[in-house]
PDB file of N, CA and C in Angstrom:
ATOM      1  N   MET A   1      42.243  41.357  66.446  1.00  0.00           N
ATOM      2  CA  MET A   1      41.328  42.006  65.561  1.00  0.00           C
ATOM      3  C   MET A   1      41.354  41.346  64.182  1.00  0.00           C
ATOM      4  N   LYS A   2      42.536  41.082  63.759  1.00  0.00           N
ATOM      5  CA  LYS A   2      42.690  40.441  62.470  1.00  0.00           C
ATOM      6  C   LYS A   2      41.996  39.082  62.485  1.00  0.00           C
ATOM      7  N   ARG A   3      42.087  38.425  63.585  1.00  0.00           N
ATOM      8  CA  ARG A   3      41.492  37.108  63.721  1.00  0.00           C
ATOM      9  C   ARG A   3      39.971  37.197  63.688  1.00  0.00           C
ATOM     10  N   SER A   4      39.371  38.168  64.321  1.00  0.00           N
ATOM     11  CA  SER A   4      37.922  38.312  64.338  1.00  0.00           C
ATOM     12  C   SER A   4      37.386  38.697  62.957  1.00  0.00           C
ATOM     13  N   VAL A   5      38.132  39.459  62.183  1.00  0.00           N
ATOM     14  CA  VAL A   5      37.706  39.837  60.829  1.00  0.00           C
ATOM     15  C   VAL A   5      37.704  38.590  59.936  1.00  0.00           C
ATOM     16  N   ILE A   6      38.703  37.771  60.058  1.00  0.00           N
ATOM     17  CA  ILE A   6      38.780  36.557  59.233  1.00  0.00           C
ATOM     18  C   ILE A   6      37.667  35.595  59.618  1.00  0.00           C
ATOM     19  N   LEU A   7      37.416  35.444  60.932  1.00  0.00           N
ATOM     20  CA  LEU A   7      36.354  34.548  61.375  1.00  0.00           C
ATOM     21  C   LEU A   7      34.977  35.065  60.954  1.00  0.00           C
ATOM     22  N   SER A   8      34.753  36.364  61.037  1.00  0.00           N
ATOM     23  CA  SER A   8      33.465  36.909  60.605  1.00  0.00           C
ATOM     24  C   SER A   8      33.299  36.781  59.087  1.00  0.00           C
ATOM     25  N   ALA A   9      34.379  36.925  58.334  1.00  0.00           N
ATOM     26  CA  ALA A   9      34.303  36.753  56.872  1.00  0.00           C
ATOM     27  C   ALA A   9      33.964  35.305  56.529  1.00  0.00           C
ATOM     28  N   ILE A  10      34.552  34.364  57.253  1.00  0.00           N
ATOM     29  CA  ILE A  10      34.252  32.949  57.019  1.00  0.00           C
ATOM     30  C   ILE A  10      32.807  32.663  57.411  1.00  0.00           C
ATOM     31  N   PHE A  11      32.339  33.239  58.529  1.00  0.00           N
ATOM     32  CA  PHE A  11      30.970  33.015  58.981  1.00  0.00           C
ATOM     33  C   PHE A  11      29.962  33.559  57.960  1.00  0.00           C
ATOM     34  N   PHE A  12      30.138  34.811  57.530  1.00  0.00           N
ATOM     35  CA  PHE A  12      29.206  35.389  56.554  1.00  0.00           C
ATOM     36  C   PHE A  12      29.320  34.714  55.185  1.00  0.00           C
ATOM     37  N   GLY A  13      30.479  34.258  54.844  1.00  0.00           N
ATOM     38  CA  GLY A  13      30.666  33.530  53.582  1.00  0.00           C
ATOM     39  C   GLY A  13      29.973  32.184  53.600  1.00  0.00           C
ATOM     40  N   SER A  14      29.914  31.540  54.773  1.00  0.00           N
ATOM     41  CA  SER A  14      29.256  30.240  54.872  1.00  0.00           C
ATOM     42  C   SER A  14      27.741  30.367  54.760  1.00  0.00           C
ATOM     43  N   LEU A  15      27.193  31.563  55.030  1.00  0.00           N
ATOM     44  CA  LEU A  15      25.753  31.756  54.869  1.00  0.00           C
ATOM     45  C   LEU A  15      25.341  31.703  53.392  1.00  0.00           C
ATOM     46  N   PHE A  16      26.210  32.113  52.515  1.00  0.00           N
ATOM     47  CA  PHE A  16      25.912  32.127  51.076  1.00  0.00           C
ATOM     48  C   PHE A  16      26.495  30.925  50.343  1.00  0.00           C
ATOM     49  N   TYR A  17      26.962  29.966  51.076  1.00  0.00           N
ATOM     50  CA  TYR A  17      27.588  28.797  50.470  1.00  0.00           C
ATOM     51  C   TYR A  17      26.514  27.855  49.914  1.00  0.00           C
ATOM     52  N   LEU A  18      26.639  27.483  48.652  1.00  0.00           N
ATOM     53  CA  LEU A  18      25.756  26.503  48.013  1.00  0.00           C
ATOM     54  C   LEU A  18      26.625  25.386  47.459  1.00  0.00           C
ATOM     55  N   PRO A  19      26.210  24.166  47.655  1.00  0.00           N
ATOM     56  CA  PRO A  19      27.024  23.078  47.109  1.00  0.00           C
ATOM     57  C   PRO A  19      26.986  23.123  45.575  1.00  0.00           C
ATOM     58  N   ALA A  20      28.068  22.796  44.947  1.00  0.00           N
ATOM     59  CA  ALA A  20      28.166  22.816  43.485  1.00  0.00           C
ATOM     60  C   ALA A  20      27.461  21.588  42.909  1.00  0.00           C
ATOM     61  N   LYS A  21      26.657  21.808  41.896  1.00  0.00           N
ATOM     62  CA  LYS A  21      25.977  20.702  41.209  1.00  0.00           C
ATOM     63  C   LYS A  21      26.677  20.523  39.868  1.00  0.00           C
ATOM     64  N   ALA A  22      27.480  19.515  39.790  1.00  0.00           N
ATOM     65  CA  ALA A  22      28.254  19.289  38.574  1.00  0.00           C
ATOM     66  C   ALA A  22      27.359  18.626  37.527  1.00  0.00           C
ATOM     67  N   GLN A  23      27.147  19.311  36.445  1.00  0.00           N
ATOM     68  CA  GLN A  23      26.366  18.768  35.337  1.00  0.00           C
ATOM     69  C   GLN A  23      27.155  18.987  34.061  1.00  0.00           C
ATOM     70  N   VAL A  24      27.245  17.936  33.284  1.00  0.00           N
ATOM     71  CA  VAL A  24      27.960  18.018  32.025  1.00  0.00           C
ATOM     72  C   VAL A  24      26.929  17.915  30.914  1.00  0.00           C
ATOM     73  N   SER A  25      26.993  18.825  29.985  1.00  0.00           N
ATOM     74  CA  SER A  25      26.045  18.830  28.887  1.00  0.00           C
ATOM     75  C   SER A  25      26.801  19.042  27.589  1.00  0.00           C
ATOM     76  N   ILE A  26      26.513  18.179  26.614  1.00  0.00           N
ATOM     77  CA  ILE A  26      27.114  18.309  25.291  1.00  0.00           C
ATOM     78  C   ILE A  26      25.976  18.428  24.298  1.00  0.00           C
ATOM     79  N   HIS A  27      26.032  19.406  23.433  1.00  0.00           N
ATOM     80  CA  HIS A  27      24.966  19.632  22.459  1.00  0.00           C
ATOM     81  C   HIS A  27      25.581  19.750  21.070  1.00  0.00           C
ATOM     82  N   PHE A  28      25.115  18.902  20.154  1.00  0.00           N
ATOM     83  CA  PHE A  28      25.528  18.990  18.761  1.00  0.00           C
ATOM     84  C   PHE A  28      24.318  19.441  17.968  1.00  0.00           C
ATOM     85  N   GLY A  29      24.387  20.549  17.340  1.00  0.00           N
ATOM     86  CA  GLY A  29      23.264  21.060  16.567  1.00  0.00           C
ATOM     87  C   GLY A  29      23.628  21.165  15.096  1.00  0.00           C
ATOM     88  N   PHE A  30      22.743  20.663  14.255  1.00  0.00           N
ATOM     89  CA  PHE A  30      22.922  20.771  12.817  1.00  0.00           C
ATOM     90  C   PHE A  30      21.772  21.594  12.271  1.00  0.00           C
ATOM     91  N   ASN A  31      22.084  22.584  11.532  1.00  0.00           N
ATOM     92  CA  ASN A  31      21.058  23.437  10.956  1.00  0.00           C
ATOM     93  C   ASN A  31      20.845  23.009   9.508  1.00  0.00           C
ATOM     94  N   ILE A  32      19.963  22.016   9.321  1.00  0.00           N
ATOM     95  CA  ILE A  32      19.632  21.539   7.980  1.00  0.00           C
ATOM     96  C   ILE A  32      18.206  21.988   7.694  1.00  0.00           C
ATOM     97  N   PRO A  33      18.037  22.955   6.830  1.00  0.00           N
ATOM     98  CA  PRO A  33      16.674  23.438   6.566  1.00  0.00           C
ATOM     99  C   PRO A  33      15.885  22.422   5.750  1.00  0.00           C
ATOM    100  N   ALA A  34      14.577  22.459   5.892  1.00  0.00           N
ATOM    101  CA  ALA A  34      13.711  21.582   5.112  1.00  0.00           C
ATOM    102  C   ALA A  34      13.768  22.001   3.652  1.00  0.00           C
ATOM    103  N   ARG A  35      13.626  21.019   2.758  1.00  0.00           N
ATOM    104  CA  ARG A  35      13.677  21.327   1.333  1.00  0.00           C
ATOM    105  C   ARG A  35      12.441  22.123   0.944  1.00  0.00           C
ATOM    106  N   PRO A  36      12.626  23.163   0.164  1.00  0.00           N
ATOM    107  CA  PRO A  36      11.464  23.944  -0.258  1.00  0.00           C
ATOM    108  C   PRO A  36      10.618  23.155  -1.255  1.00  0.00           C
ATOM    109  N   VAL A  37       9.341  23.391  -1.220  1.00  0.00           N
ATOM    110  CA  VAL A  37       8.417  22.729  -2.129  1.00  0.00           C
ATOM    111  C   VAL A  37       8.286  23.609  -3.366  1.00  0.00           C
ATOM    112  N   TYR A  38       8.712  23.082  -4.513  1.00  0.00           N
ATOM    113  CA  TYR A  38       8.666  23.851  -5.746  1.00  0.00           C
ATOM    114  C   TYR A  38       7.360  23.642  -6.505  1.00  0.00           C
ATOM    115  N   ALA A  39       6.727  22.500  -6.325  1.00  0.00           N
ATOM    116  CA  ALA A  39       5.475  22.207  -7.025  1.00  0.00           C
ATOM    117  C   ALA A  39       4.572  21.443  -6.063  1.00  0.00           C
ATOM    118  N   PRO A  40       3.272  21.591  -6.218  1.00  0.00           N
ATOM    119  CA  PRO A  40       2.381  20.838  -5.334  1.00  0.00           C
ATOM    120  C   PRO A  40       2.459  19.345  -5.637  1.00  0.00           C
ATOM    121  N   ALA A  41       2.179  18.561  -4.643  1.00  0.00           N
ATOM    122  CA  ALA A  41       2.194  17.113  -4.816  1.00  0.00           C
ATOM    123  C   ALA A  41       1.071  16.713  -5.763  1.00  0.00           C
ATOM    124  N   PRO A  42       1.288  15.667  -6.571  1.00  0.00           N
ATOM    125  CA  PRO A  42       0.222  15.240  -7.480  1.00  0.00           C
ATOM    126  C   PRO A  42      -0.950  14.676  -6.690  1.00  0.00           C
ATOM    127  N   PRO A  43      -2.153  14.791  -7.230  1.00  0.00           N
ATOM    128  CA  PRO A  43      -3.313  14.252  -6.512  1.00  0.00           C
ATOM    129  C   PRO A  43      -3.220  12.732  -6.453  1.00  0.00           C
ATOM    130  N   PRO A  44      -3.797  12.116  -5.446  1.00  0.00           N
ATOM    131  CA  PRO A  44      -3.736  10.658  -5.353  1.00  0.00           C
ATOM    132  C   PRO A  44      -4.483  10.020  -6.515  1.00  0.00           C
ATOM    133  N   GLN A  45      -3.931   8.922  -6.999  1.00  0.00           N
ATOM    134  CA  GLN A  45      -4.538   8.220  -8.122  1.00  0.00           C
ATOM    135  C   GLN A  45      -5.765   7.457  -7.637  1.00  0.00           C
ATOM    136  N   PRO A  46      -6.856   7.486  -8.402  1.00  0.00           N
ATOM    137  CA  PRO A  46      -8.040   6.731  -7.986  1.00  0.00           C
ATOM    138  C   PRO A  46      -7.774   5.232  -8.079  1.00  0.00           C
ATOM    139  N   VAL A  47      -8.357   4.508  -7.173  1.00  0.00           N
ATOM    140  CA  VAL A  47      -8.215   3.059  -7.169  1.00  0.00           C
ATOM    141  C   VAL A  47      -9.224   2.494  -8.155  1.00  0.00           C
ATOM    142  N   ILE A  48      -8.728   1.748  -9.127  1.00  0.00           N
ATOM    143  CA  ILE A  48      -9.600   1.159 -10.137  1.00  0.00           C
ATOM    144  C   ILE A  48      -9.910  -0.267  -9.708  1.00  0.00           C
ATOM    145  N   VAL A  49     -11.177  -0.525  -9.476  1.00  0.00           N
ATOM    146  CA  VAL A  49     -11.612  -1.857  -9.082  1.00  0.00           C
ATOM    147  C   VAL A  49     -12.152  -2.543 -10.319  1.00  0.00           C
ATOM    148  N   ASP A  50     -11.526  -3.636 -10.678  1.00  0.00           N
ATOM    149  CA  ASP A  50     -11.950  -4.387 -11.847  1.00  0.00           C
ATOM    150  C   ASP A  50     -12.844  -5.522 -11.370  1.00  0.00           C
ATOM    151  N   ASP A  51     -14.153  -5.362 -11.579  1.00  0.00           N
ATOM    152  CA  ASP A  51     -15.093  -6.392 -11.156  1.00  0.00           C
ATOM    153  C   ASP A  51     -15.157  -7.551 -12.140  1.00  0.00           C
ATOM    154  N   ASP A  52     -14.461  -7.419 -13.248  1.00  0.00           N
ATOM    155  CA  ASP A  52     -14.477  -8.460 -14.261  1.00  0.00           C
ATOM    156  C   ASP A  52     -13.499  -9.551 -13.841  1.00  0.00           C
ATOM    157  N   ASP A  53     -14.000 -10.735 -13.578  1.00  0.00           N
ATOM    158  CA  ASP A  53     -13.159 -11.837 -13.124  1.00  0.00           C
ATOM    159  C   ASP A  53     -12.503 -12.583 -14.277  1.00  0.00           C
ATOM    160  N   ASP A  54     -12.559 -12.023 -15.471  1.00  0.00           N
ATOM    161  CA  ASP A  54     -12.022 -12.708 -16.637  1.00  0.00           C
ATOM    162  C   ASP A  54     -10.562 -12.320 -16.820  1.00  0.00           C
ATOM    163  N   TYR A  55      -9.653 -13.125 -16.284  1.00  0.00           N
ATOM    164  CA  TYR A  55      -8.230 -12.879 -16.440  1.00  0.00           C
ATOM    165  C   TYR A  55      -7.720 -13.770 -17.563  1.00  0.00           C
ATOM    166  N   TYR A  56      -7.900 -13.320 -18.760  1.00  0.00           N
ATOM    167  CA  TYR A  56      -7.526 -14.100 -19.923  1.00  0.00           C
ATOM    168  C   TYR A  56      -7.201 -13.135 -21.049  1.00  0.00           C
ATOM    169  N   ASP A  57      -6.652 -13.660 -22.106  1.00  0.00           N
ATOM    170  CA  ASP A  57      -6.339 -12.858 -23.280  1.00  0.00           C
ATOM    171  C   ASP A  57      -7.619 -12.635 -24.075  1.00  0.00           C
ATOM    172  N   ASN A  58      -7.892 -11.397 -24.455  1.00  0.00           N
ATOM    173  CA  ASN A  58      -9.135 -11.081 -25.161  1.00  0.00           C
ATOM    174  C   ASN A  58      -9.221 -11.740 -26.531  1.00  0.00           C
ATOM    175  N   ASP A  59      -8.103 -12.174 -27.087  1.00  0.00           N
ATOM    176  CA  ASP A  59      -8.131 -12.818 -28.396  1.00  0.00           C
ATOM    177  C   ASP A  59      -8.673 -14.245 -28.315  1.00  0.00           C
ATOM    178  N   ASP A  60      -8.709 -14.829 -27.134  1.00  0.00           N
ATOM    179  CA  ASP A  60      -9.139 -16.217 -26.978  1.00  0.00           C
ATOM    180  C   ASP A  60     -10.458 -16.317 -26.225  1.00  0.00           C
ATOM    181  N   ASP A  61     -11.401 -15.444 -26.533  1.00  0.00           N
ATOM    182  CA  ASP A  61     -12.688 -15.489 -25.841  1.00  0.00           C
ATOM    183  C   ASP A  61     -13.486 -16.739 -26.192  1.00  0.00           C
ATOM    184  N   TYR A  62     -13.490 -17.088 -27.468  1.00  0.00           N
ATOM    185  CA  TYR A  62     -14.303 -18.211 -27.936  1.00  0.00           C
ATOM    186  C   TYR A  62     -13.458 -19.129 -28.810  1.00  0.00           C
ATOM    187  N   TYR A  63     -13.731 -20.414 -28.705  1.00  0.00           N
ATOM    188  CA  TYR A  63     -13.127 -21.408 -29.593  1.00  0.00           C
ATOM    189  C   TYR A  63     -14.244 -22.034 -30.417  1.00  0.00           C
ATOM    190  N   TYR A  64     -13.994 -22.145 -31.714  1.00  0.00           N
ATOM    191  CA  TYR A  64     -14.986 -22.766 -32.593  1.00  0.00           C
ATOM    192  C   TYR A  64     -14.679 -24.250 -32.701  1.00  0.00           C
ATOM    193  N   LEU A  65     -15.707 -25.073 -32.540  1.00  0.00           N
ATOM    194  CA  LEU A  65     -15.572 -26.523 -32.658  1.00  0.00           C
ATOM    195  C   LEU A  65     -16.292 -26.939 -33.937  1.00  0.00           C
ATOM    196  N   PRO A  66     -15.562 -27.104 -35.055  1.00  0.00           N
ATOM    197  CA  PRO A  66     -16.229 -27.347 -36.342  1.00  0.00           C
ATOM    198  C   PRO A  66     -16.974 -28.681 -36.400  1.00  0.00           C
ATOM    199  N   GLU A  67     -16.506 -29.724 -35.698  1.00  0.00           N
ATOM    200  CA  GLU A  67     -17.195 -31.014 -35.742  1.00  0.00           C
ATOM    201  C   GLU A  67     -18.582 -30.925 -35.111  1.00  0.00           C
ATOM    202  N   VAL A  68     -18.736 -30.044 -34.136  1.00  0.00           N
ATOM    203  CA  VAL A  68     -19.990 -29.912 -33.399  1.00  0.00           C
ATOM    204  C   VAL A  68     -20.785 -28.707 -33.892  1.00  0.00           C
ATOM    205  N   GLU A  69     -20.134 -27.816 -34.642  1.00  0.00           N
ATOM    206  CA  GLU A  69     -20.703 -26.545 -35.082  1.00  0.00           C
ATOM    207  C   GLU A  69     -21.177 -25.734 -33.875  1.00  0.00           C
ATOM    208  N   ALA A  70     -20.252 -25.576 -32.911  1.00  0.00           N
ATOM    209  CA  ALA A  70     -20.559 -24.839 -31.685  1.00  0.00           C
ATOM    210  C   ALA A  70     -19.337 -24.020 -31.290  1.00  0.00           C
ATOM    211  N   TYR A  71     -19.568 -23.078 -30.416  1.00  0.00           N
ATOM    212  CA  TYR A  71     -18.498 -22.249 -29.863  1.00  0.00           C
ATOM    213  C   TYR A  71     -18.384 -22.531 -28.373  1.00  0.00           C
ATOM    214  N   TYR A  72     -17.136 -22.493 -27.866  1.00  0.00           N
ATOM    215  CA  TYR A  72     -16.913 -22.641 -26.432  1.00  0.00           C
ATOM    216  C   TYR A  72     -16.400 -21.314 -25.892  1.00  0.00           C
ATOM    217  N   SER A  73     -17.057 -20.778 -24.866  1.00  0.00           N
ATOM    218  CA  SER A  73     -16.659 -19.521 -24.248  1.00  0.00           C
ATOM    219  C   SER A  73     -15.708 -19.814 -23.093  1.00  0.00           C
ATOM    220  N   VAL A  74     -14.472 -19.325 -23.216  1.00  0.00           N
ATOM    221  CA  VAL A  74     -13.469 -19.571 -22.178  1.00  0.00           C
ATOM    222  C   VAL A  74     -13.820 -18.848 -20.877  1.00  0.00           C
ATOM    223  N   PRO A  75     -14.166 -17.546 -20.897  1.00  0.00           N
ATOM    224  CA  PRO A  75     -14.429 -16.881 -19.616  1.00  0.00           C
ATOM    225  C   PRO A  75     -15.688 -17.368 -18.913  1.00  0.00           C
ATOM    226  N   ARG A  76     -16.699 -17.803 -19.667  1.00  0.00           N
ATOM    227  CA  ARG A  76     -17.961 -18.226 -19.048  1.00  0.00           C
ATOM    228  C   ARG A  76     -18.072 -19.741 -18.878  1.00  0.00           C
ATOM    229  N   HIS A  77     -17.138 -20.491 -19.455  1.00  0.00           N
ATOM    230  CA  HIS A  77     -17.123 -21.957 -19.360  1.00  0.00           C
ATOM    231  C   HIS A  77     -18.447 -22.561 -19.832  1.00  0.00           C
ATOM    232  N   CYS A  78     -18.910 -22.133 -21.008  1.00  0.00           N
ATOM    233  CA  CYS A  78     -20.146 -22.695 -21.546  1.00  0.00           C
ATOM    234  C   CYS A  78     -20.051 -22.783 -23.069  1.00  0.00           C
ATOM    235  N   TYR A  79     -20.972 -23.540 -23.654  1.00  0.00           N
ATOM    236  CA  TYR A  79     -21.022 -23.758 -25.093  1.00  0.00           C
ATOM    237  C   TYR A  79     -22.161 -22.944 -25.688  1.00  0.00           C
ATOM    238  N   TYR A  80     -21.973 -22.470 -26.938  1.00  0.00           N
ATOM    239  CA  TYR A  80     -23.014 -21.786 -27.700  1.00  0.00           C
ATOM    240  C   TYR A  80     -23.207 -22.561 -28.999  1.00  0.00           C
ATOM    241  N   TYR A  81     -24.439 -22.935 -29.278  1.00  0.00           N
ATOM    242  CA  TYR A  81     -24.749 -23.653 -30.508  1.00  0.00           C
ATOM    243  C   TYR A  81     -26.163 -23.290 -30.932  1.00  0.00           C
ATOM    244  N   GLN A  82     -26.487 -23.621 -32.198  1.00  0.00           N
ATOM    245  CA  GLN A  82     -27.821 -23.307 -32.709  1.00  0.00           C
ATOM    246  C   GLN A  82     -28.738 -24.501 -32.535  1.00  0.00           C
ATOM    247  N   ASN A  83     -29.940 -24.216 -32.066  1.00  0.00           N
ATOM    248  CA  ASN A  83     -30.958 -25.237 -31.904  1.00  0.00           C
ATOM    249  C   ASN A  83     -32.242 -24.678 -32.511  1.00  0.00           C
ATOM    250  N   ASP A  84     -32.690 -25.253 -33.626  1.00  0.00           N
ATOM    251  CA  ASP A  84     -33.868 -24.793 -34.362  1.00  0.00           C
ATOM    252  C   ASP A  84     -33.734 -23.327 -34.774  1.00  0.00           C
ATOM    253  N   GLY A  85     -32.539 -22.922 -35.212  1.00  0.00           N
ATOM    254  CA  GLY A  85     -32.313 -21.571 -35.711  1.00  0.00           C
ATOM    255  C   GLY A  85     -32.088 -20.527 -34.627  1.00  0.00           C
ATOM    256  N   ARG A  86     -32.068 -20.918 -33.358  1.00  0.00           N
ATOM    257  CA  ARG A  86     -31.832 -19.976 -32.256  1.00  0.00           C
ATOM    258  C   ARG A  86     -30.540 -20.357 -31.550  1.00  0.00           C
ATOM    259  N   TRP A  87     -29.788 -19.349 -31.104  1.00  0.00           N
ATOM    260  CA  TRP A  87     -28.553 -19.612 -30.362  1.00  0.00           C
ATOM    261  C   TRP A  87     -28.895 -19.984 -28.924  1.00  0.00           C
ATOM    262  N   VAL A  88     -28.277 -21.052 -28.452  1.00  0.00           N
ATOM    263  CA  VAL A  88     -28.517 -21.562 -27.105  1.00  0.00           C
ATOM    264  C   VAL A  88     -27.180 -21.597 -26.373  1.00  0.00           C
ATOM    265  N   SER A  89     -27.179 -21.177 -25.113  1.00  0.00           N
ATOM    266  CA  SER A  89     -25.973 -21.319 -24.297  1.00  0.00           C
ATOM    267  C   SER A  89     -26.236 -22.396 -23.259  1.00  0.00           C
ATOM    268  N   SER A  90     -25.256 -23.272 -23.084  1.00  0.00           N
ATOM    269  CA  SER A  90     -25.428 -24.389 -22.168  1.00  0.00           C
ATOM    270  C   SER A  90     -24.070 -24.772 -21.598  1.00  0.00           C
ATOM    271  N   ALA A  91     -24.083 -25.338 -20.401  1.00  0.00           N
ATOM    272  CA  ALA A  91     -22.839 -25.795 -19.786  1.00  0.00           C
ATOM    273  C   ALA A  91     -22.335 -27.069 -20.454  1.00  0.00           C
ATOM    274  N   TYR A  92     -23.238 -27.773 -21.161  1.00  0.00           N
ATOM    275  CA  TYR A  92     -22.876 -29.025 -21.826  1.00  0.00           C
ATOM    276  C   TYR A  92     -23.286 -28.954 -23.291  1.00  0.00           C
ATOM    277  N   LEU A  93     -22.668 -29.792 -24.091  1.00  0.00           N
ATOM    278  CA  LEU A  93     -23.043 -29.900 -25.502  1.00  0.00           C
ATOM    279  C   LEU A  93     -24.372 -30.643 -25.617  1.00  0.00           C
ATOM    280  N   PRO A  94     -25.060 -30.527 -26.771  1.00  0.00           N
ATOM    281  CA  PRO A  94     -26.316 -31.268 -26.924  1.00  0.00           C
ATOM    282  C   PRO A  94     -26.083 -32.777 -26.828  1.00  0.00           C
ATOM    283  N   GLY A  95     -27.155 -33.523 -26.624  1.00  0.00           N
ATOM    284  CA  GLY A  95     -27.081 -34.959 -26.353  1.00  0.00           C
ATOM    285  C   GLY A  95     -26.269 -35.753 -27.355  1.00  0.00           C
ATOM    286  N   ALA A  96     -26.341 -35.424 -28.646  1.00  0.00           N
ATOM    287  CA  ALA A  96     -25.617 -36.189 -29.662  1.00  0.00           C
ATOM    288  C   ALA A  96     -24.106 -36.009 -29.526  1.00  0.00           C
ATOM    289  N   TYR A  97     -23.664 -34.933 -28.900  1.00  0.00           N
ATOM    290  CA  TYR A  97     -22.229 -34.641 -28.790  1.00  0.00           C
ATOM    291  C   TYR A  97     -21.735 -34.637 -27.338  1.00  0.00           C
ATOM    292  N   ARG A  98     -22.443 -35.284 -26.440  1.00  0.00           N
ATOM    293  CA  ARG A  98     -22.056 -35.273 -25.020  1.00  0.00           C
ATOM    294  C   ARG A  98     -20.654 -35.840 -24.798  1.00  0.00           C
ATOM    295  N   ASN A  99     -20.274 -36.844 -25.557  1.00  0.00           N
ATOM    296  CA  ASN A  99     -18.978 -37.502 -25.362  1.00  0.00           C
ATOM    297  C   ASN A  99     -17.878 -36.869 -26.205  1.00  0.00           C
ATOM    298  N   TYR A 100     -18.125 -35.683 -26.765  1.00  0.00           N
ATOM    299  CA  TYR A 100     -17.112 -35.012 -27.588  1.00  0.00           C
ATOM    300  C   TYR A 100     -15.957 -34.572 -26.702  1.00  0.00           C
ATOM    301  N   ASP A 101     -14.735 -34.829 -27.183  1.00  0.00           N
ATOM    302  CA  ASP A 101     -13.556 -34.446 -26.411  1.00  0.00           C
ATOM    303  C   ASP A 101     -12.762 -33.431 -27.192  1.00  0.00           C
TER     304      ASP A 101
END
């Protein structure tokens, strides 16, 4: 009788037997809260587009040439002189001063 009880216990126990699934899990958790926002972010700065291609010092816009009585414009690369009482702009000096250096 004792033997049949042990065998029946083993039989019924084997019906509920599940193989063990060994899983190892390690979890490290850090509770670092986000920094609170004390002030709103500044608005984005507007992009300034400088269409002026003159990258030079504003004090040196024009050079006076006393021998020719004319001005040379550095940013525009041209000469200004008077012709019959009117100011004329030209890429070159007048004919009498073409060879001026």
